[in-house]
Structure formats: structure tokens, C-alpha cells
């Protein structure tokens, strides 16, 4: 019985350390890549609403999101999911919406304009 208790404590410690490491990793990526400064607040809010709620992103903000880069985009989404305010959201759903938003923005940027 004691070994089960020790095992349970170890599992909790590993999970806790993993969450702290993930937070530190996202923080480090965001800091090193200056992710917070690459996108204006209005576009950040549009992207946030599109991913965490329901909304669309203007063409201007799609460009800003692509310029932000996939690494920063992913780190900011994961960092936001770590916030206790968003604990009731499904991480799988948010990650899927994040990928969909990224792909949609990238497709718009990569597609030739109709006037060309």
C-alpha cells in the first residue's frame, strides 16, 4: 500500500514538473522570439477571438499572424491555455482551431490575388 502512495506522489510530481517545464518553454520561446511585439493588439484580439471564441480575422490581421510566425503563434496559444482562466476549455479543440486559423491565414497569403 505504501508503494502505491509513493507511486502516486511521483506521478503527481512528474505531471506538475511537466506543466512547469511547458510553461517555462513557452515563456522562453515568446521572450527569445519577441513574439509579444510582432503583432498589434487589434490583430492579436482578432486572432484570439477566432481561436478561443467565435470570430473571423481581417486580411490585414491574417498577414500579421503569418509574419508573427508559426512558432510564436503556437507558443502564444499554448501559453494562453496554461492560464487558469481558460481551464474549462478543451485544449484539443483550441489546438485544432489554432491550426485551422493558421492554415487559413497562410492559404490566403500564399494564394495569388484575383487581379494578377
PDB file of N, CA and C in Angstrom:
ATOM      1  N   UNK A   1       0.830  -1.189   0.000  1.00  0.00           N
ATOM      2  CA  UNK A   1       0.000   0.000   0.000  1.00  0.00           C
ATOM      3  C   UNK A   1       0.873   1.250   0.000  1.00  0.00           C
ATOM      4  N   UNK A   2       1.969   1.225   0.746  1.00  0.00           N
ATOM      5  CA  UNK A   2       2.859   2.378   0.804  1.00  0.00           C
ATOM      6  C   UNK A   2       3.496   2.644  -0.553  1.00  0.00           C
ATOM      7  N   UNK A   3       3.811   1.566  -1.284  1.00  0.00           N
ATOM      8  CA  UNK A   3       4.431   1.758  -2.597  1.00  0.00           C
ATOM      9  C   UNK A   3       3.447   2.413  -3.571  1.00  0.00           C
ATOM     10  N   UNK A   4       2.163   2.117  -3.434  1.00  0.00           N
ATOM     11  CA  UNK A   4       1.148   2.759  -4.267  1.00  0.00           C
ATOM     12  C   UNK A   4       1.087   4.249  -3.970  1.00  0.00           C
ATOM     13  N   UNK A   5       1.183   4.610  -2.715  1.00  0.00           N
ATOM     14  CA  UNK A   5       1.170   6.020  -2.312  1.00  0.00           C
ATOM     15  C   UNK A   5       2.401   6.750  -2.867  1.00  0.00           C
ATOM     16  N   UNK A   6       3.571   6.117  -2.757  1.00  0.00           N
ATOM     17  CA  UNK A   6       4.802   6.716  -3.280  1.00  0.00           C
ATOM     18  C   UNK A   6       4.693   6.875  -4.790  1.00  0.00           C
ATOM     19  N   UNK A   7       4.159   5.858  -5.461  1.00  0.00           N
ATOM     20  CA  UNK A   7       3.978   5.910  -6.912  1.00  0.00           C
ATOM     21  C   UNK A   7       3.039   7.060  -7.290  1.00  0.00           C
ATOM     22  N   UNK A   8       1.961   7.228  -6.555  1.00  0.00           N
ATOM     23  CA  UNK A   8       1.012   8.312  -6.821  1.00  0.00           C
ATOM     24  C   UNK A   8       1.667   9.670  -6.660  1.00  0.00           C
ATOM     25  N   UNK A   9       2.461   9.817  -5.630  1.00  0.00           N
ATOM     26  CA  UNK A   9       3.168  11.080  -5.393  1.00  0.00           C
ATOM     27  C   UNK A   9       4.141  11.354  -6.534  1.00  0.00           C
ATOM     28  N   UNK A  10       4.847  10.336  -6.991  1.00  0.00           N
ATOM     29  CA  UNK A  10       5.788  10.502  -8.094  1.00  0.00           C
ATOM     30  C   UNK A  10       5.068  10.929  -9.372  1.00  0.00           C
ATOM     31  N   UNK A  11       3.926  10.330  -9.653  1.00  0.00           N
ATOM     32  CA  UNK A  11       3.154  10.687 -10.843  1.00  0.00           C
ATOM     33  C   UNK A  11       2.723  12.146 -10.770  1.00  0.00           C
ATOM     34  N   UNK A  12       2.227  12.566  -9.627  1.00  0.00           N
ATOM     35  CA  UNK A  12       1.807  13.965  -9.452  1.00  0.00           C
ATOM     36  C   UNK A  12       3.001  14.894  -9.632  1.00  0.00           C
ATOM     37  N   UNK A  13       4.142  14.548  -9.064  1.00  0.00           N
ATOM     38  CA  UNK A  13       5.336  15.380  -9.216  1.00  0.00           C
ATOM     39  C   UNK A  13       5.769  15.478 -10.672  1.00  0.00           C
ATOM     40  N   UNK A  14       5.751  14.360 -11.380  1.00  0.00           N
ATOM     41  CA  UNK A  14       6.136  14.368 -12.793  1.00  0.00           C
ATOM     42  C   UNK A  14       5.188  15.223 -13.620  1.00  0.00           C
ATOM     43  N   UNK A  15       3.894  15.088 -13.367  1.00  0.00           N
ATOM     44  CA  UNK A  15       2.916  15.886 -14.107  1.00  0.00           C
ATOM     45  C   UNK A  15       3.073  17.370 -13.801  1.00  0.00           C
ATOM     46  N   UNK A  16       3.302  17.689 -12.547  1.00  0.00           N
ATOM     47  CA  UNK A  16       3.488  19.082 -12.149  1.00  0.00           C
ATOM     48  C   UNK A  16       4.748  19.652 -12.773  1.00  0.00           C
ATOM     49  N   UNK A  17       5.829  18.900 -12.711  1.00  0.00           N
ATOM     50  CA  UNK A  17       7.086  19.365 -13.309  1.00  0.00           C
ATOM     51  C   UNK A  17       6.935  19.521 -14.812  1.00  0.00           C
ATOM     52  N   UNK A  18       6.211  18.612 -15.443  1.00  0.00           N
ATOM     53  CA  UNK A  18       5.974  18.708 -16.887  1.00  0.00           C
ATOM     54  C   UNK A  18       5.216  19.967 -17.238  1.00  0.00           C
ATOM     55  N   UNK A  19       4.215  20.325 -16.448  1.00  0.00           N
ATOM     56  CA  UNK A  19       3.433  21.532 -16.702  1.00  0.00           C
ATOM     57  C   UNK A  19       4.289  22.776 -16.493  1.00  0.00           C
ATOM     58  N   UNK A  20       5.122  22.768 -15.452  1.00  0.00           N
ATOM     59  CA  UNK A  20       6.004  23.908 -15.201  1.00  0.00           C
ATOM     60  C   UNK A  20       7.022  24.036 -16.324  1.00  0.00           C
ATOM     61  N   UNK A  21       7.564  22.908 -16.773  1.00  0.00           N
ATOM     62  CA  UNK A  21       8.532  22.947 -17.871  1.00  0.00           C
ATOM     63  C   UNK A  21       7.880  23.463 -19.137  1.00  0.00           C
ATOM     64  N   UNK A  22       6.639  23.045 -19.423  1.00  0.00           N
ATOM     65  CA  UNK A  22       5.938  23.528 -20.607  1.00  0.00           C
ATOM     66  C   UNK A  22       5.738  25.033 -20.526  1.00  0.00           C
ATOM     67  N   UNK A  23       5.369  25.522 -19.346  1.00  0.00           N
ATOM     68  CA  UNK A  23       5.187  26.954 -19.156  1.00  0.00           C
ATOM     69  C   UNK A  23       6.498  27.685 -19.383  1.00  0.00           C
ATOM     70  N   UNK A  24       7.574  27.187 -18.815  1.00  0.00           N
ATOM     71  CA  UNK A  24       8.879  27.817 -18.986  1.00  0.00           C
ATOM     72  C   UNK A  24       9.306  27.775 -20.446  1.00  0.00           C
ATOM     73  N   UNK A  25       9.044  26.668 -21.124  1.00  0.00           N
ATOM     74  CA  UNK A  25       9.410  26.539 -22.533  1.00  0.00           C
ATOM     75  C   UNK A  25       8.658  27.571 -23.374  1.00  0.00           C
ATOM     76  N   UNK A  26       7.354  27.702 -23.154  1.00  0.00           N
ATOM     77  CA  UNK A  26       6.571  28.691 -23.898  1.00  0.00           C
ATOM     78  C   UNK A  26       7.030  30.104 -23.579  1.00  0.00           C
ATOM     79  N   UNK A  27       7.278  30.388 -22.296  1.00  0.00           N
ATOM     80  CA  UNK A  27       7.772  31.701 -21.901  1.00  0.00           C
ATOM     81  C   UNK A  27       9.093  32.021 -22.597  1.00  0.00           C
ATOM     82  N   UNK A  28       9.974  31.029 -22.646  1.00  0.00           N
ATOM     83  CA  UNK A  28      11.286  31.221 -23.259  1.00  0.00           C
ATOM     84  C   UNK A  28      11.144  31.493 -24.754  1.00  0.00           C
ATOM     85  N   UNK A  29      10.307  30.736 -25.440  1.00  0.00           N
ATOM     86  CA  UNK A  29      10.085  30.946 -26.873  1.00  0.00           C
ATOM     87  C   UNK A  29       9.533  32.341 -27.117  1.00  0.00           C
ATOM     88  N   UNK A  30       8.528  32.718 -26.340  1.00  0.00           N
ATOM     89  CA  UNK A  30       7.887  34.026 -26.507  1.00  0.00           C
ATOM     90  C   UNK A  30       8.902  35.146 -26.282  1.00  0.00           C
ATOM     91  N   UNK A  31       9.748  34.988 -25.269  1.00  0.00           N
ATOM     92  CA  UNK A  31      10.744  36.019 -24.959  1.00  0.00           C
ATOM     93  C   UNK A  31      11.834  36.070 -26.030  1.00  0.00           C
ATOM     94  N   UNK A  32      12.408  34.912 -26.366  1.00  0.00           N
ATOM     95  CA  UNK A  32      13.520  34.865 -27.317  1.00  0.00           C
ATOM     96  C   UNK A  32      13.128  35.356 -28.708  1.00  0.00           C
ATOM     97  N   UNK A  33      11.922  35.066 -29.122  1.00  0.00           N
ATOM     98  CA  UNK A  33      11.482  35.426 -30.467  1.00  0.00           C
ATOM     99  C   UNK A  33      10.726  36.757 -30.506  1.00  0.00           C
ATOM    100  N   UNK A  34      10.654  37.433 -29.352  1.00  0.00           N
ATOM    101  CA  UNK A  34       9.934  38.712 -29.262  1.00  0.00           C
ATOM    102  C   UNK A  34       8.516  38.598 -29.813  1.00  0.00           C
ATOM    103  N   UNK A  35       7.853  37.517 -29.500  1.00  0.00           N
ATOM    104  CA  UNK A  35       6.511  37.250 -30.031  1.00  0.00           C
ATOM    105  C   UNK A  35       5.508  38.335 -29.652  1.00  0.00           C
ATOM    106  N   UNK A  36       5.670  38.902 -28.471  1.00  0.00           N
ATOM    107  CA  UNK A  36       4.698  39.878 -27.984  1.00  0.00           C
ATOM    108  C   UNK A  36       4.724  41.184 -28.766  1.00  0.00           C
ATOM    109  N   UNK A  37       5.816  41.443 -29.477  1.00  0.00           N
ATOM    110  CA  UNK A  37       5.953  42.722 -30.182  1.00  0.00           C
ATOM    111  C   UNK A  37       5.712  42.612 -31.679  1.00  0.00           C
ATOM    112  N   UNK A  38       5.487  41.420 -32.187  1.00  0.00           N
ATOM    113  CA  UNK A  38       5.374  41.218 -33.631  1.00  0.00           C
ATOM    114  C   UNK A  38       3.966  41.398 -34.181  1.00  0.00           C
ATOM    115  N   UNK A  39       2.999  41.572 -33.307  1.00  0.00           N
ATOM    116  CA  UNK A  39       1.607  41.665 -33.749  1.00  0.00           C
ATOM    117  C   UNK A  39       0.918  42.755 -32.939  1.00  0.00           C
ATOM    118  N   UNK A  40       0.193  43.620 -33.633  1.00  0.00           N
ATOM    119  CA  UNK A  40      -0.524  44.684 -32.944  1.00  0.00           C
ATOM    120  C   UNK A  40      -1.675  44.147 -32.114  1.00  0.00           C
ATOM    121  N   UNK A  41      -2.063  44.895 -31.098  1.00  0.00           N
ATOM    122  CA  UNK A  41      -3.132  44.467 -30.195  1.00  0.00           C
ATOM    123  C   UNK A  41      -4.456  44.206 -30.920  1.00  0.00           C
ATOM    124  N   UNK A  42      -4.892  45.070 -31.849  1.00  0.00           N
ATOM    125  CA  UNK A  42      -6.165  44.784 -32.534  1.00  0.00           C
ATOM    126  C   UNK A  42      -6.146  43.442 -33.278  1.00  0.00           C
ATOM    127  N   UNK A  43      -5.021  43.144 -33.930  1.00  0.00           N
ATOM    128  CA  UNK A  43      -4.934  41.871 -34.655  1.00  0.00           C
ATOM    129  C   UNK A  43      -4.790  40.691 -33.699  1.00  0.00           C
ATOM    130  N   UNK A  44      -4.068  40.910 -32.602  1.00  0.00           N
ATOM    131  CA  UNK A  44      -3.965  39.861 -31.591  1.00  0.00           C
ATOM    132  C   UNK A  44      -5.355  39.497 -31.079  1.00  0.00           C
ATOM    133  N   UNK A  45      -6.169  40.518 -30.819  1.00  0.00           N
ATOM    134  CA  UNK A  45      -7.526  40.274 -30.322  1.00  0.00           C
ATOM    135  C   UNK A  45      -8.390  39.557 -31.362  1.00  0.00           C
ATOM    136  N   UNK A  46      -8.238  39.915 -32.639  1.00  0.00           N
ATOM    137  CA  UNK A  46      -8.984  39.213 -33.694  1.00  0.00           C
ATOM    138  C   UNK A  46      -8.598  37.739 -33.746  1.00  0.00           C
ATOM    139  N   UNK A  47      -7.294  37.478 -33.699  1.00  0.00           N
ATOM    140  CA  UNK A  47      -6.824  36.092 -33.743  1.00  0.00           C
ATOM    141  C   UNK A  47      -7.288  35.332 -32.503  1.00  0.00           C
ATOM    142  N   UNK A  48      -7.175  35.971 -31.339  1.00  0.00           N
ATOM    143  CA  UNK A  48      -7.612  35.357 -30.084  1.00  0.00           C
ATOM    144  C   UNK A  48      -9.092  34.986 -30.172  1.00  0.00           C
ATOM    145  N   UNK A  49      -9.914  35.923 -30.630  1.00  0.00           N
ATOM    146  CA  UNK A  49     -11.357  35.683 -30.735  1.00  0.00           C
ATOM    147  C   UNK A  49     -11.642  34.544 -31.702  1.00  0.00           C
ATOM    148  N   UNK A  50     -10.916  34.506 -32.800  1.00  0.00           N
ATOM    149  CA  UNK A  50     -11.106  33.440 -33.781  1.00  0.00           C
ATOM    150  C   UNK A  50     -10.783  32.059 -33.208  1.00  0.00           C
ATOM    151  N   UNK A  51      -9.773  32.007 -32.364  1.00  0.00           N
ATOM    152  CA  UNK A  51      -9.320  30.718 -31.831  1.00  0.00           C
ATOM    153  C   UNK A  51     -10.058  30.329 -30.549  1.00  0.00           C
ATOM    154  N   UNK A  52     -10.203  31.266 -29.621  1.00  0.00           N
ATOM    155  CA  UNK A  52     -10.742  30.939 -28.306  1.00  0.00           C
ATOM    156  C   UNK A  52     -12.245  31.182 -28.186  1.00  0.00           C
ATOM    157  N   UNK A  53     -12.817  31.893 -29.146  1.00  0.00           N
ATOM    158  CA  UNK A  53     -14.258  32.139 -29.135  1.00  0.00           C
ATOM    159  C   UNK A  53     -14.766  31.862 -30.541  1.00  0.00           C
ATOM    160  N   UNK A  54     -15.549  32.772 -31.103  1.00  0.00           N
ATOM    161  CA  UNK A  54     -16.010  32.637 -32.479  1.00  0.00           C
ATOM    162  C   UNK A  54     -15.861  33.981 -33.149  1.00  0.00           C
ATOM    163  N   UNK A  55     -15.128  34.004 -34.227  1.00  0.00           N
ATOM    164  CA  UNK A  55     -14.928  35.254 -34.939  1.00  0.00           C
ATOM    165  C   UNK A  55     -14.098  35.018 -36.176  1.00  0.00           C
ATOM    166  N   UNK A  56     -13.871  36.093 -36.911  1.00  0.00           N
ATOM    167  CA  UNK A  56     -13.065  35.986 -38.120  1.00  0.00           C
ATOM    168  C   UNK A  56     -11.892  36.955 -38.015  1.00  0.00           C
ATOM    169  N   UNK A  57     -10.955  36.793 -38.920  1.00  0.00           N
ATOM    170  CA  UNK A  57      -9.760  37.621 -38.934  1.00  0.00           C
ATOM    171  C   UNK A  57      -9.730  38.390 -40.253  1.00  0.00           C
ATOM    172  N   UNK A  58      -9.489  39.685 -40.153  1.00  0.00           N
ATOM    173  CA  UNK A  58      -9.378  40.515 -41.355  1.00  0.00           C
ATOM    174  C   UNK A  58      -8.117  40.134 -42.139  1.00  0.00           C
ATOM    175  N   UNK A  59      -8.082  40.499 -43.402  1.00  0.00           N
ATOM    176  CA  UNK A  59      -6.910  40.196 -44.231  1.00  0.00           C
ATOM    177  C   UNK A  59      -5.646  40.819 -43.647  1.00  0.00           C
ATOM    178  N   UNK A  60      -5.759  42.050 -43.146  1.00  0.00           N
ATOM    179  CA  UNK A  60      -4.612  42.735 -42.541  1.00  0.00           C
ATOM    180  C   UNK A  60      -4.064  41.904 -41.379  1.00  0.00           C
ATOM    181  N   UNK A  61      -4.951  41.397 -40.548  1.00  0.00           N
ATOM    182  CA  UNK A  61      -4.521  40.624 -39.383  1.00  0.00           C
ATOM    183  C   UNK A  61      -4.035  39.230 -39.765  1.00  0.00           C
ATOM    184  N   UNK A  62      -4.534  38.708 -40.853  1.00  0.00           N
ATOM    185  CA  UNK A  62      -4.013  37.417 -41.335  1.00  0.00           C
ATOM    186  C   UNK A  62      -2.551  37.569 -41.711  1.00  0.00           C
ATOM    187  N   UNK A  63      -2.241  38.677 -42.368  1.00  0.00           N
ATOM    188  CA  UNK A  63      -0.852  38.943 -42.736  1.00  0.00           C
ATOM    189  C   UNK A  63      -0.004  39.069 -41.473  1.00  0.00           C
ATOM    190  N   UNK A  64      -0.490  39.818 -40.492  1.00  0.00           N
ATOM    191  CA  UNK A  64       0.257  39.983 -39.239  1.00  0.00           C
ATOM    192  C   UNK A  64       0.478  38.640 -38.536  1.00  0.00           C
ATOM    193  N   UNK A  65      -0.520  37.777 -38.585  1.00  0.00           N
ATOM    194  CA  UNK A  65      -0.383  36.470 -37.937  1.00  0.00           C
ATOM    195  C   UNK A  65       0.694  35.642 -38.625  1.00  0.00           C
ATOM    196  N   UNK A  66       0.714  35.670 -39.953  1.00  0.00           N
ATOM    197  CA  UNK A  66       1.732  34.912 -40.685  1.00  0.00           C
ATOM    198  C   UNK A  66       3.124  35.501 -40.429  1.00  0.00           C
ATOM    199  N   UNK A  67       3.226  36.823 -40.363  1.00  0.00           N
ATOM    200  CA  UNK A  67       4.507  37.469 -40.057  1.00  0.00           C
ATOM    201  C   UNK A  67       4.948  37.103 -38.635  1.00  0.00           C
ATOM    202  N   UNK A  68       3.995  36.982 -37.727  1.00  0.00           N
ATOM    203  CA  UNK A  68       4.301  36.558 -36.359  1.00  0.00           C
ATOM    204  C   UNK A  68       5.055  35.234 -36.388  1.00  0.00           C
ATOM    205  N   UNK A  69       4.616  34.339 -37.247  1.00  0.00           N
ATOM    206  CA  UNK A  69       5.282  33.043 -37.395  1.00  0.00           C
ATOM    207  C   UNK A  69       4.581  31.937 -36.638  1.00  0.00           C
ATOM    208  N   UNK A  70       4.727  30.740 -37.159  1.00  0.00           N
ATOM    209  CA  UNK A  70       4.054  29.582 -36.580  1.00  0.00           C
ATOM    210  C   UNK A  70       4.567  29.256 -35.177  1.00  0.00           C
ATOM    211  N   UNK A  71       5.854  29.411 -34.951  1.00  0.00           N
ATOM    212  CA  UNK A  71       6.424  29.087 -33.635  1.00  0.00           C
ATOM    213  C   UNK A  71       5.834  30.011 -32.573  1.00  0.00           C
ATOM    214  N   UNK A  72       5.811  31.317 -32.864  1.00  0.00           N
ATOM    215  CA  UNK A  72       5.233  32.273 -31.909  1.00  0.00           C
ATOM    216  C   UNK A  72       3.739  32.022 -31.747  1.00  0.00           C
ATOM    217  N   UNK A  73       3.062  31.796 -32.855  1.00  0.00           N
ATOM    218  CA  UNK A  73       1.616  31.538 -32.808  1.00  0.00           C
ATOM    219  C   UNK A  73       1.315  30.358 -31.890  1.00  0.00           C
ATOM    220  N   UNK A  74       2.013  29.262 -32.097  1.00  0.00           N
ATOM    221  CA  UNK A  74       1.785  28.054 -31.294  1.00  0.00           C
ATOM    222  C   UNK A  74       2.146  28.279 -29.828  1.00  0.00           C
ATOM    223  N   UNK A  75       3.265  28.960 -29.572  1.00  0.00           N
ATOM    224  CA  UNK A  75       3.688  29.211 -28.192  1.00  0.00           C
ATOM    225  C   UNK A  75       2.685  30.100 -27.468  1.00  0.00           C
ATOM    226  N   UNK A  76       2.164  31.114 -28.153  1.00  0.00           N
ATOM    227  CA  UNK A  76       1.185  32.002 -27.521  1.00  0.00           C
ATOM    228  C   UNK A  76      -0.125  31.272 -27.225  1.00  0.00           C
ATOM    229  N   UNK A  77      -0.544  30.382 -28.124  1.00  0.00           N
ATOM    230  CA  UNK A  77      -1.769  29.614 -27.882  1.00  0.00           C
ATOM    231  C   UNK A  77      -1.570  28.683 -26.692  1.00  0.00           C
ATOM    232  N   UNK A  78      -0.450  27.967 -26.669  1.00  0.00           N
ATOM    233  CA  UNK A  78      -0.177  27.057 -25.542  1.00  0.00           C
ATOM    234  C   UNK A  78      -0.056  27.840 -24.239  1.00  0.00           C
ATOM    235  N   UNK A  79       0.614  28.996 -24.280  1.00  0.00           N
ATOM    236  CA  UNK A  79       0.780  29.845 -23.104  1.00  0.00           C
ATOM    237  C   UNK A  79      -0.584  30.294 -22.579  1.00  0.00           C
ATOM    238  N   UNK A  80      -1.477  30.666 -23.479  1.00  0.00           N
ATOM    239  CA  UNK A  80      -2.822  31.091 -23.078  1.00  0.00           C
ATOM    240  C   UNK A  80      -3.588  29.931 -22.454  1.00  0.00           C
ATOM    241  N   UNK A  81      -3.464  28.751 -23.030  1.00  0.00           N
ATOM    242  CA  UNK A  81      -4.156  27.570 -22.486  1.00  0.00           C
ATOM    243  C   UNK A  81      -3.684  27.232 -21.070  1.00  0.00           C
ATOM    244  N   UNK A  82      -2.471  27.622 -20.725  1.00  0.00           N
ATOM    245  CA  UNK A  82      -1.945  27.351 -19.385  1.00  0.00           C
ATOM    246  C   UNK A  82      -2.531  28.287 -18.335  1.00  0.00           C
ATOM    247  N   UNK A  83      -3.180  29.355 -18.760  1.00  0.00           N
ATOM    248  CA  UNK A  83      -3.778  30.310 -17.837  1.00  0.00           C
ATOM    249  C   UNK A  83      -5.010  29.679 -17.184  1.00  0.00           C
ATOM    250  N   UNK A  84      -5.115  29.759 -15.866  1.00  0.00           N
ATOM    251  CA  UNK A  84      -6.265  29.167 -15.170  1.00  0.00           C
ATOM    252  C   UNK A  84      -7.625  29.699 -15.645  1.00  0.00           C
ATOM    253  N   UNK A  85      -7.654  30.891 -16.209  1.00  0.00           N
ATOM    254  CA  UNK A  85      -8.917  31.437 -16.720  1.00  0.00           C
ATOM    255  C   UNK A  85      -9.505  30.582 -17.839  1.00  0.00           C
ATOM    256  N   UNK A  86      -8.650  29.819 -18.501  1.00  0.00           N
ATOM    257  CA  UNK A  86      -9.098  29.019 -19.642  1.00  0.00           C
ATOM    258  C   UNK A  86      -9.113  27.528 -19.344  1.00  0.00           C
ATOM    259  N   UNK A  87      -9.128  27.177 -18.065  1.00  0.00           N
ATOM    260  CA  UNK A  87      -9.056  25.766 -17.664  1.00  0.00           C
ATOM    261  C   UNK A  87     -10.254  24.944 -18.121  1.00  0.00           C
ATOM    262  N   UNK A  88     -11.396  25.604 -18.368  1.00  0.00           N
ATOM    263  CA  UNK A  88     -12.592  24.872 -18.776  1.00  0.00           C
ATOM    264  C   UNK A  88     -12.650  24.611 -20.286  1.00  0.00           C
ATOM    265  N   UNK A  89     -11.710  25.180 -21.035  1.00  0.00           N
ATOM    266  CA  UNK A  89     -11.705  24.971 -22.479  1.00  0.00           C
ATOM    267  C   UNK A  89     -11.023  23.645 -22.806  1.00  0.00           C
ATOM    268  N   UNK A  90     -11.436  23.055 -23.894  1.00  0.00           N
ATOM    269  CA  UNK A  90     -10.815  21.814 -24.345  1.00  0.00           C
ATOM    270  C   UNK A  90      -9.530  22.142 -25.105  1.00  0.00           C
ATOM    271  N   UNK A  91      -8.368  21.754 -24.568  1.00  0.00           N
ATOM    272  CA  UNK A  91      -7.119  22.032 -25.279  1.00  0.00           C
ATOM    273  C   UNK A  91      -7.105  21.466 -26.691  1.00  0.00           C
ATOM    274  N   UNK A  92      -7.667  20.269 -26.872  1.00  0.00           N
ATOM    275  CA  UNK A  92      -7.684  19.664 -28.213  1.00  0.00           C
ATOM    276  C   UNK A  92      -8.485  20.520 -29.189  1.00  0.00           C
ATOM    277  N   UNK A  93      -9.614  21.045 -28.743  1.00  0.00           N
ATOM    278  CA  UNK A  93     -10.443  21.897 -29.601  1.00  0.00           C
ATOM    279  C   UNK A  93      -9.715  23.193 -29.929  1.00  0.00           C
ATOM    280  N   UNK A  94      -9.089  23.797 -28.928  1.00  0.00           N
ATOM    281  CA  UNK A  94      -8.373  25.058 -29.135  1.00  0.00           C
ATOM    282  C   UNK A  94      -7.184  24.850 -30.076  1.00  0.00           C
ATOM    283  N   UNK A  95      -6.441  23.784 -29.875  1.00  0.00           N
ATOM    284  CA  UNK A  95      -5.299  23.499 -30.754  1.00  0.00           C
ATOM    285  C   UNK A  95      -5.787  23.281 -32.181  1.00  0.00           C
ATOM    286  N   UNK A  96      -6.891  22.560 -32.344  1.00  0.00           N
ATOM    287  CA  UNK A  96      -7.442  22.330 -33.693  1.00  0.00           C
ATOM    288  C   UNK A  96      -7.860  23.655 -34.337  1.00  0.00           C
ATOM    289  N   UNK A  97      -8.523  24.528 -33.566  1.00  0.00           N
ATOM    290  CA  UNK A  97      -8.925  25.835 -34.099  1.00  0.00           C
ATOM    291  C   UNK A  97      -7.694  26.695 -34.408  1.00  0.00           C
ATOM    292  N   UNK A  98      -6.669  26.568 -33.598  1.00  0.00           N
ATOM    293  CA  UNK A  98      -5.430  27.300 -33.818  1.00  0.00           C
ATOM    294  C   UNK A  98      -4.777  26.881 -35.136  1.00  0.00           C
ATOM    295  N   UNK A  99      -4.705  25.586 -35.365  1.00  0.00           N
ATOM    296  CA  UNK A  99      -4.125  25.056 -36.608  1.00  0.00           C
ATOM    297  C   UNK A  99      -4.964  25.481 -37.806  1.00  0.00           C
ATOM    298  N   UNK A 100      -6.279  25.385 -37.664  1.00  0.00           N
ATOM    299  CA  UNK A 100      -7.174  25.793 -38.745  1.00  0.00           C
ATOM    300  C   UNK A 100      -7.003  27.287 -39.061  1.00  0.00           C
ATOM    301  N   UNK A 101      -6.939  28.114 -38.029  1.00  0.00           N
ATOM    302  CA  UNK A 101      -6.749  29.553 -38.227  1.00  0.00           C
ATOM    303  C   UNK A 101      -5.420  29.822 -38.925  1.00  0.00           C
ATOM    304  N   UNK A 102      -4.360  29.164 -38.464  1.00  0.00           N
ATOM    305  CA  UNK A 102      -3.038  29.334 -39.078  1.00  0.00           C
ATOM    306  C   UNK A 102      -3.086  28.932 -40.548  1.00  0.00           C
ATOM    307  N   UNK A 103      -3.628  27.765 -40.835  1.00  0.00           N
ATOM    308  CA  UNK A 103      -3.674  27.282 -42.218  1.00  0.00           C
ATOM    309  C   UNK A 103      -4.504  28.198 -43.110  1.00  0.00           C
ATOM    310  N   UNK A 104      -5.628  28.696 -42.601  1.00  0.00           N
ATOM    311  CA  UNK A 104      -6.457  29.621 -43.376  1.00  0.00           C
ATOM    312  C   UNK A 104      -5.704  30.915 -43.679  1.00  0.00           C
ATOM    313  N   UNK A 105      -5.004  31.438 -42.697  1.00  0.00           N
ATOM    314  CA  UNK A 105      -4.244  32.672 -42.901  1.00  0.00           C
ATOM    315  C   UNK A 105      -3.111  32.443 -43.900  1.00  0.00           C
ATOM    316  N   UNK A 106      -2.422  31.335 -43.751  1.00  0.00           N
ATOM    317  CA  UNK A 106      -1.317  31.013 -44.645  1.00  0.00           C
ATOM    318  C   UNK A 106      -1.812  30.820 -46.074  1.00  0.00           C
ATOM    319  N   UNK A 107      -2.952  30.151 -46.233  1.00  0.00           N
ATOM    320  CA  UNK A 107      -3.516  29.917 -47.574  1.00  0.00           C
ATOM    321  C   UNK A 107      -3.882  31.241 -48.242  1.00  0.00           C
ATOM    322  N   UNK A 108      -4.430  32.161 -47.472  1.00  0.00           N
ATOM    323  CA  UNK A 108      -4.807  33.458 -48.036  1.00  0.00           C
ATOM    324  C   UNK A 108      -3.574  34.219 -48.495  1.00  0.00           C
ATOM    325  N   UNK A 109      -2.535  34.165 -47.699  1.00  0.00           N
ATOM    326  CA  UNK A 109      -1.300  34.883 -48.028  1.00  0.00           C
ATOM    327  C   UNK A 109      -0.627  34.255 -49.246  1.00  0.00           C
ATOM    328  N   UNK A 110      -0.662  32.919 -49.327  1.00  0.00           N
ATOM    329  CA  UNK A 110       0.020  32.207 -50.422  1.00  0.00           C
ATOM    330  C   UNK A 110      -0.773  32.228 -51.731  1.00  0.00           C
ATOM    331  N   UNK A 111      -2.077  32.509 -51.646  1.00  0.00           N
ATOM    332  CA  UNK A 111      -2.877  32.450 -52.874  1.00  0.00           C
ATOM    333  C   UNK A 111      -2.653  33.712 -53.705  1.00  0.00           C
ATOM    334  N   UNK A 112      -2.613  33.555 -55.038  1.00  0.00           N
ATOM    335  CA  UNK A 112      -2.442  34.727 -55.891  1.00  0.00           C
ATOM    336  C   UNK A 112      -3.670  35.616 -55.843  1.00  0.00           C
ATOM    337  N   UNK A 113      -3.455  36.903 -55.954  1.00  0.00           N
ATOM    338  CA  UNK A 113      -4.611  37.827 -55.924  1.00  0.00           C
ATOM    339  C   UNK A 113      -5.403  37.686 -57.210  1.00  0.00           C
ATOM    340  N   UNK A 114      -6.725  37.935 -57.161  1.00  0.00           N
ATOM    341  CA  UNK A 114      -7.574  37.786 -58.347  1.00  0.00           C
ATOM    342  C   UNK A 114      -7.200  38.747 -59.471  1.00  0.00           C
ATOM    343  N   UNK A 115      -6.556  39.856 -59.148  1.00  0.00           N
ATOM    344  CA  UNK A 115      -6.197  40.830 -60.178  1.00  0.00           C
ATOM    345  C   UNK A 115      -4.909  40.482 -60.885  1.00  0.00           C
ATOM    346  N   UNK A 116      -4.186  39.495 -60.381  1.00  0.00           N
ATOM    347  CA  UNK A 116      -2.899  39.141 -61.004  1.00  0.00           C
ATOM    348  C   UNK A 116      -3.075  38.299 -62.227  1.00  0.00           C
TER     349      UNK A 116
END
